[in-house]
Amino acid sequence: MELSEIIPHIEVLIFASEKPLTALDIVELINNSFGFLEERISLDQVETAVEGIREKYNSEFYPFEVRESGGGWQFLTKKDFHKTIAQLNGDKFLKRLSNAALETLAIIAYKQPITKGEIEAIRGVNSDYSIQKLLEKELILISGRNEQMPGKPLVYATSKIFMDYFGINTTTDLPKIREVLAEQLVEGTLIKPEDFTDKPIADAQAAAEAGSASETANDSVTDSTADVENETAAEEAAIDAEAEIIEGDVSDIAVNNAGELIIKKEEEDAEDQSEENQPE
């Protein structure tokens, strides 16, 4: 049988099925429907046909697509039409899991198979009600018992309905915990005055700070100028004082034996006085 003849039958099976169909399911169903044929279709033929169907409905012309979700192939509406479908389904579509149920479901999804005691050890609270609600919604199932633990407690795991509910094919499609945590990281930000005030106020504050800095610089320059002027005046006063000391006829100035400046006339008077005081 040619692929062109198989494809319409595969489309019908996927569309009419209440649950996701695997490639093996499709092979069995088609072979059963065409049991009178001597040549049976193979798994490779079905997989090739499904790939062609998937590419066909991926075009923008169709509002739905063929996706592998919940462990098999399904016809699903595209996410662009989510709000439109919400109007049709009403409150039923808007029902959500509680935070406690989501927390419990996340632990089971990432830690499965897991016991109730291990779930409560992680959450730190009793989880009987959350587990019961998840079982009622068939998002989880009892996969067996832990034979290694005392009492052989029940073990919980996610179901195919869980994968269908969240649009994944297997649990390996779940986002990695490291990726989830990376999205929650917050980078530090620098706090600036303009982030909390209007721009005119920020501009006025900046202008005031600039004016204050300018005044400080001017005061510093003025103080420096005053210091220079004072030093100059002191030097001039010292020069004037020296000038007054040596003002007049410097020819009468001499240096005595002690290295002191004296006036010759005073030296002569001193010598005469010394001679008079000497005994005859």
Protein backbone atom coordinates (compact mmCIF):
# COMPACT_ATOMS: atom_id res chain seq x y z
CA MET A 1 0.00 0.00 0.00
CA GLU A 2 1.32 3.45 -0.95
CA LEU A 3 1.97 6.12 1.70
CA SER A 4 -0.52 8.43 -0.01
CA GLU A 5 -3.21 5.83 0.73
CA ILE A 6 -2.08 5.28 4.34
CA ILE A 7 -1.86 8.93 5.41
CA PRO A 8 -5.65 9.67 5.45
CA HIS A 9 -6.27 6.62 7.64
CA ILE A 10 -3.54 7.66 10.08
CA GLU A 11 -5.03 11.17 10.29
CA VAL A 12 -8.46 9.75 11.06
CA LEU A 13 -7.12 7.46 13.78
CA ILE A 14 -5.20 10.25 15.53
CA PHE A 15 -8.14 12.65 15.25
CA ALA A 16 -10.79 10.23 16.56
CA SER A 17 -8.76 8.65 19.36
CA GLU A 18 -9.57 9.69 22.92
CA LYS A 19 -5.99 9.00 23.98
CA PRO A 20 -2.58 9.59 22.41
CA LEU A 21 -1.63 6.93 19.85
CA THR A 22 1.89 5.61 19.49
CA ALA A 23 3.33 4.53 16.14
CA LEU A 24 2.95 0.90 17.19
CA ASP A 25 -0.73 1.48 18.01
CA ILE A 26 -1.26 2.95 14.55
CA VAL A 27 0.50 0.02 12.85
CA GLU A 28 -1.72 -2.48 14.66
CA LEU A 29 -4.95 -0.59 14.00
CA ILE A 30 -4.32 -0.12 10.29
CA ASN A 31 -3.21 -3.70 9.78
CA ASN A 32 -6.36 -4.86 11.55
CA SER A 33 -8.57 -2.65 9.37
CA PHE A 34 -6.90 -3.94 6.19
CA GLY A 35 -6.51 -7.51 7.36
CA PHE A 36 -7.46 -8.90 3.96
CA LEU A 37 -4.34 -7.42 2.40
CA GLU A 38 -1.41 -9.75 1.92
CA GLU A 39 1.18 -6.96 2.40
CA ARG A 40 1.09 -5.46 5.88
CA ILE A 41 2.37 -1.96 6.60
CA SER A 42 5.56 -1.56 8.64
CA LEU A 43 6.56 0.68 11.52
CA ASP A 44 8.93 2.64 9.26
CA GLN A 45 6.08 3.41 6.87
CA VAL A 46 3.88 4.72 9.69
CA GLU A 47 6.67 6.87 11.14
CA THR A 48 7.38 8.36 7.70
CA ALA A 49 3.67 9.05 7.16
CA VAL A 50 3.28 10.65 10.61
CA GLU A 51 6.25 12.93 9.92
CA GLY A 52 4.62 14.07 6.68
CA ILE A 53 1.34 14.72 8.50
CA ARG A 54 3.14 16.72 11.19
CA GLU A 55 4.86 18.94 8.61
CA LYS A 56 1.53 19.43 6.80
CA TYR A 57 -0.28 20.80 9.87
CA ASN A 58 2.66 22.91 11.03
CA SER A 59 1.85 25.46 8.32
CA GLU A 60 0.12 28.71 9.33
CA PHE A 61 -2.99 27.70 7.38
CA TYR A 62 -4.12 25.26 10.10
CA PRO A 63 -5.16 26.32 13.66
CA PHE A 64 -4.19 22.89 15.04
CA GLU A 65 -1.18 20.60 14.75
CA VAL A 66 -0.10 16.99 15.27
CA ARG A 67 2.14 16.72 18.30
CA GLU A 68 3.67 13.90 20.31
CA SER A 69 2.27 14.52 23.79
CA GLY A 70 1.28 12.26 26.65
CA GLY A 71 3.20 9.32 25.21
CA GLY A 72 1.68 9.38 21.71
CA TRP A 73 0.45 11.45 18.75
CA GLN A 74 -2.51 13.85 19.10
CA PHE A 75 -4.29 16.61 17.25
CA LEU A 76 -3.88 19.73 19.45
CA THR A 77 -4.86 23.34 18.90
CA LYS A 78 -2.01 25.80 18.57
CA LYS A 79 -1.23 28.07 21.51
CA ASP A 80 -2.18 31.18 19.51
CA PHE A 81 -5.84 30.17 19.89
CA HIS A 82 -5.73 29.60 23.65
CA LYS A 83 -7.96 32.58 24.55
CA THR A 84 -10.53 31.65 21.92
CA ILE A 85 -10.90 28.11 23.28
CA ALA A 86 -11.09 29.47 26.84
CA GLN A 87 -14.33 31.26 25.88
CA LEU A 88 -15.85 27.97 24.76
CA ASN A 89 -14.87 25.87 27.78
CA GLY A 90 -15.62 28.53 30.40
CA ASP A 91 -14.86 27.80 34.06
CA LYS A 92 -13.78 24.23 33.33
CA PHE A 93 -10.92 25.51 31.22
CA LEU A 94 -9.82 28.00 33.87
CA LYS A 95 -9.58 25.48 36.72
CA ARG A 96 -6.11 25.33 38.15
CA LEU A 97 -4.22 23.29 40.71
CA SER A 98 -3.63 24.80 44.14
CA ASN A 99 -0.11 25.83 45.14
CA ALA A 100 0.11 22.88 47.55
CA ALA A 101 -0.97 20.44 44.81
CA LEU A 102 1.49 21.93 42.32
CA GLU A 103 4.29 21.71 44.87
CA THR A 104 3.48 18.06 45.60
CA LEU A 105 3.16 17.26 41.89
CA ALA A 106 6.53 18.87 41.14
CA ILE A 107 8.24 16.79 43.83
CA ILE A 108 6.69 13.59 42.46
CA ALA A 109 7.61 14.52 38.87
CA TYR A 110 11.28 15.13 39.65
CA LYS A 111 11.77 12.49 42.38
CA GLN A 112 9.58 9.62 41.14
CA PRO A 113 9.13 6.93 42.19
CA ILE A 114 8.66 8.41 45.67
CA THR A 115 6.74 7.57 48.85
CA LYS A 116 4.39 9.85 50.79
CA GLY A 117 6.84 9.99 53.68
CA GLU A 118 9.62 11.24 51.37
CA ILE A 119 7.27 13.87 49.92
CA GLU A 120 6.37 15.14 53.39
CA ALA A 121 10.04 15.17 54.42
CA ILE A 122 10.76 17.54 51.51
CA ARG A 123 7.69 19.75 51.98
CA GLY A 124 7.78 19.74 55.77
CA VAL A 125 3.98 19.41 56.04
CA ASN A 126 1.32 16.71 55.76
CA SER A 127 0.54 15.94 52.10
CA ASP A 128 -2.41 13.54 52.36
CA TYR A 129 -4.94 15.97 50.88
CA SER A 130 -2.70 17.06 47.97
CA ILE A 131 -1.87 13.47 47.04
CA GLN A 132 -5.54 12.50 47.18
CA LYS A 133 -6.53 15.38 44.85
CA LEU A 134 -3.77 14.50 42.39
CA LEU A 135 -4.95 10.88 42.37
CA GLU A 136 -8.53 12.01 41.71
CA LYS A 137 -7.38 14.09 38.75
CA GLU A 138 -5.34 11.10 37.57
CA LEU A 139 -2.20 13.24 37.31
CA ILE A 140 -0.35 10.71 39.46
CA LEU A 141 -0.75 7.00 40.04
CA ILE A 142 0.38 4.34 42.49
CA SER A 143 3.20 2.55 40.74
CA GLY A 144 3.81 -0.09 43.42
CA ARG A 145 5.39 -0.45 46.87
CA ASN A 146 8.87 0.15 48.17
CA GLU A 147 9.93 -3.31 49.28
CA GLN A 148 13.12 -2.01 50.91
CA MET A 149 11.47 0.34 53.41
CA PRO A 150 9.73 -0.70 56.66
CA GLY A 151 6.01 -1.24 56.13
CA LYS A 152 6.48 -1.33 52.35
CA PRO A 153 4.85 2.08 51.69
CA LEU A 154 3.09 2.97 48.44
CA VAL A 155 5.17 4.56 45.70
CA TYR A 156 3.81 7.38 43.52
CA ALA A 157 4.69 8.41 39.96
CA THR A 158 3.26 10.69 37.27
CA SER A 159 0.74 9.34 34.74
CA LYS A 160 0.31 9.74 31.00
CA ILE A 161 -2.47 12.22 31.74
CA PHE A 162 0.13 14.31 33.57
CA MET A 163 2.28 14.41 30.44
CA ASP A 164 -0.76 15.23 28.34
CA TYR A 165 -1.84 17.95 30.79
CA PHE A 166 1.55 19.69 30.61
CA GLY A 167 2.14 19.03 26.91
CA ILE A 168 5.21 16.81 27.24
CA ASN A 169 5.90 13.35 25.84
CA THR A 170 8.09 11.91 28.60
CA THR A 171 9.41 13.06 31.97
CA THR A 172 12.77 13.75 30.31
CA ASP A 173 11.09 16.70 28.59
CA LEU A 174 10.64 18.43 31.95
CA PRO A 175 12.75 21.60 32.34
CA LYS A 176 15.95 21.05 34.27
CA ILE A 177 15.93 22.41 37.82
CA ARG A 178 19.11 24.36 37.10
CA GLU A 179 17.38 26.13 34.19
CA VAL A 180 14.39 27.03 36.36
CA LEU A 181 16.61 28.47 39.11
CA ALA A 182 18.67 30.43 36.57
CA GLU A 183 15.54 32.30 35.47
CA GLN A 184 14.90 33.38 39.06
CA LEU A 185 18.32 34.97 39.60
CA VAL A 186 18.17 38.72 40.12
CA GLU A 187 21.08 40.92 39.13
CA GLY A 188 22.08 43.80 41.40
CA THR A 189 21.19 47.34 40.29
CA LEU A 190 22.82 50.67 41.05
CA ILE A 191 20.56 53.12 42.89
CA LYS A 192 20.62 56.65 41.52
CA PRO A 193 18.74 59.74 42.78
CA GLU A 194 17.03 60.19 39.42
CA ASP A 195 15.46 56.74 39.79
CA PHE A 196 13.35 58.04 42.70
CA THR A 197 12.77 61.71 41.78
CA ASP A 198 11.46 63.68 38.85
CA LYS A 199 14.01 64.78 36.29
CA PRO A 200 13.72 68.55 37.08
CA ILE A 201 14.42 67.83 40.76
CA ALA A 202 17.37 65.64 39.87
CA ASP A 203 18.72 68.35 37.53
CA ALA A 204 18.33 70.98 40.26
CA GLN A 205 20.13 68.77 42.76
CA ALA A 206 22.97 68.19 40.30
CA ALA A 207 23.24 71.95 39.61
CA ALA A 208 23.34 72.70 43.35
CA GLU A 209 26.11 70.16 43.88
CA ALA A 210 28.07 71.65 40.96
CA GLY A 211 27.64 75.20 42.41
CA SER A 212 28.80 74.05 45.83
CA ALA A 213 31.88 72.45 44.31
CA SER A 214 32.62 75.66 42.37
CA GLU A 215 32.33 77.82 45.51
CA THR A 216 34.65 75.50 47.41
CA ALA A 217 37.22 75.74 44.61
CA ASN A 218 36.94 79.59 44.56
CA ASP A 219 37.40 79.77 48.34
CA SER A 220 40.46 77.59 48.06
CA VAL A 221 41.94 79.86 45.34
CA THR A 222 41.17 82.99 47.42
CA ASP A 223 42.85 81.55 50.51
CA SER A 224 45.91 80.63 48.47
CA THR A 225 46.10 84.15 47.00
CA ALA A 226 45.81 85.71 50.45
CA ASP A 227 48.62 83.51 51.77
CA VAL A 228 50.88 84.55 48.89
CA GLU A 229 50.10 88.25 49.47
CA ASN A 230 50.85 87.93 53.20
CA GLU A 231 54.18 86.23 52.50
CA THR A 232 55.12 88.96 50.00
CA ALA A 233 54.22 91.71 52.49
CA ALA A 234 56.33 90.04 55.18
CA GLU A 235 59.32 89.81 52.85
CA GLU A 236 58.95 93.50 51.89
CA ALA A 237 58.74 94.51 55.56
CA ALA A 238 61.93 92.58 56.32
CA ILE A 239 63.73 94.29 53.45
CA ASP A 240 62.56 97.74 54.64
CA ALA A 241 63.79 96.99 58.16
CA GLU A 242 67.22 96.03 56.87
CA ALA A 243 67.23 99.15 54.75
CA GLU A 244 66.45 101.33 57.80
CA ILE A 245 69.31 99.73 59.73
CA ILE A 246 71.91 100.51 57.10
CA GLU A 247 70.37 103.80 55.97
CA GLY A 248 72.86 106.77 55.89
CA ASP A 249 76.63 106.83 55.50
CA VAL A 250 77.90 103.30 55.65
CA SER A 251 81.55 104.43 55.76
CA ASP A 252 81.37 104.75 59.57
CA ILE A 253 80.40 101.08 59.92
CA ALA A 254 83.09 98.61 60.90
CA VAL A 255 83.44 95.10 62.31
CA ASN A 256 85.03 94.60 65.74
CA ASN A 257 87.07 91.64 66.95
CA ALA A 258 83.91 89.82 68.03
CA GLY A 259 82.47 90.00 64.46
CA GLU A 260 79.82 92.59 65.38
CA LEU A 261 78.88 95.62 63.31
CA ILE A 262 79.79 98.88 65.06
CA ILE A 263 80.18 102.56 64.17
CA LYS A 264 83.76 103.87 64.07
CA LYS A 265 82.93 106.86 66.15
CA GLU A 266 81.62 104.70 68.92
CA GLU A 267 84.73 102.52 68.67
CA GLU A 268 87.01 105.58 69.03
CA ASP A 269 85.08 106.82 72.07
CA ALA A 270 85.41 103.41 73.60
CA GLU A 271 89.18 103.39 73.04
CA ASP A 272 89.57 106.89 74.55
CA GLN A 273 87.61 105.87 77.56
CA SER A 274 89.79 102.82 77.96
CA GLU A 275 92.99 104.91 77.83
CA GLU A 276 91.71 107.32 80.50
CA ASN A 277 90.93 104.47 82.81
CA GLN A 278 94.44 103.04 82.52
CA PRO A 279 96.76 104.06 85.45
CA GLU A 280 99.67 106.32 84.69
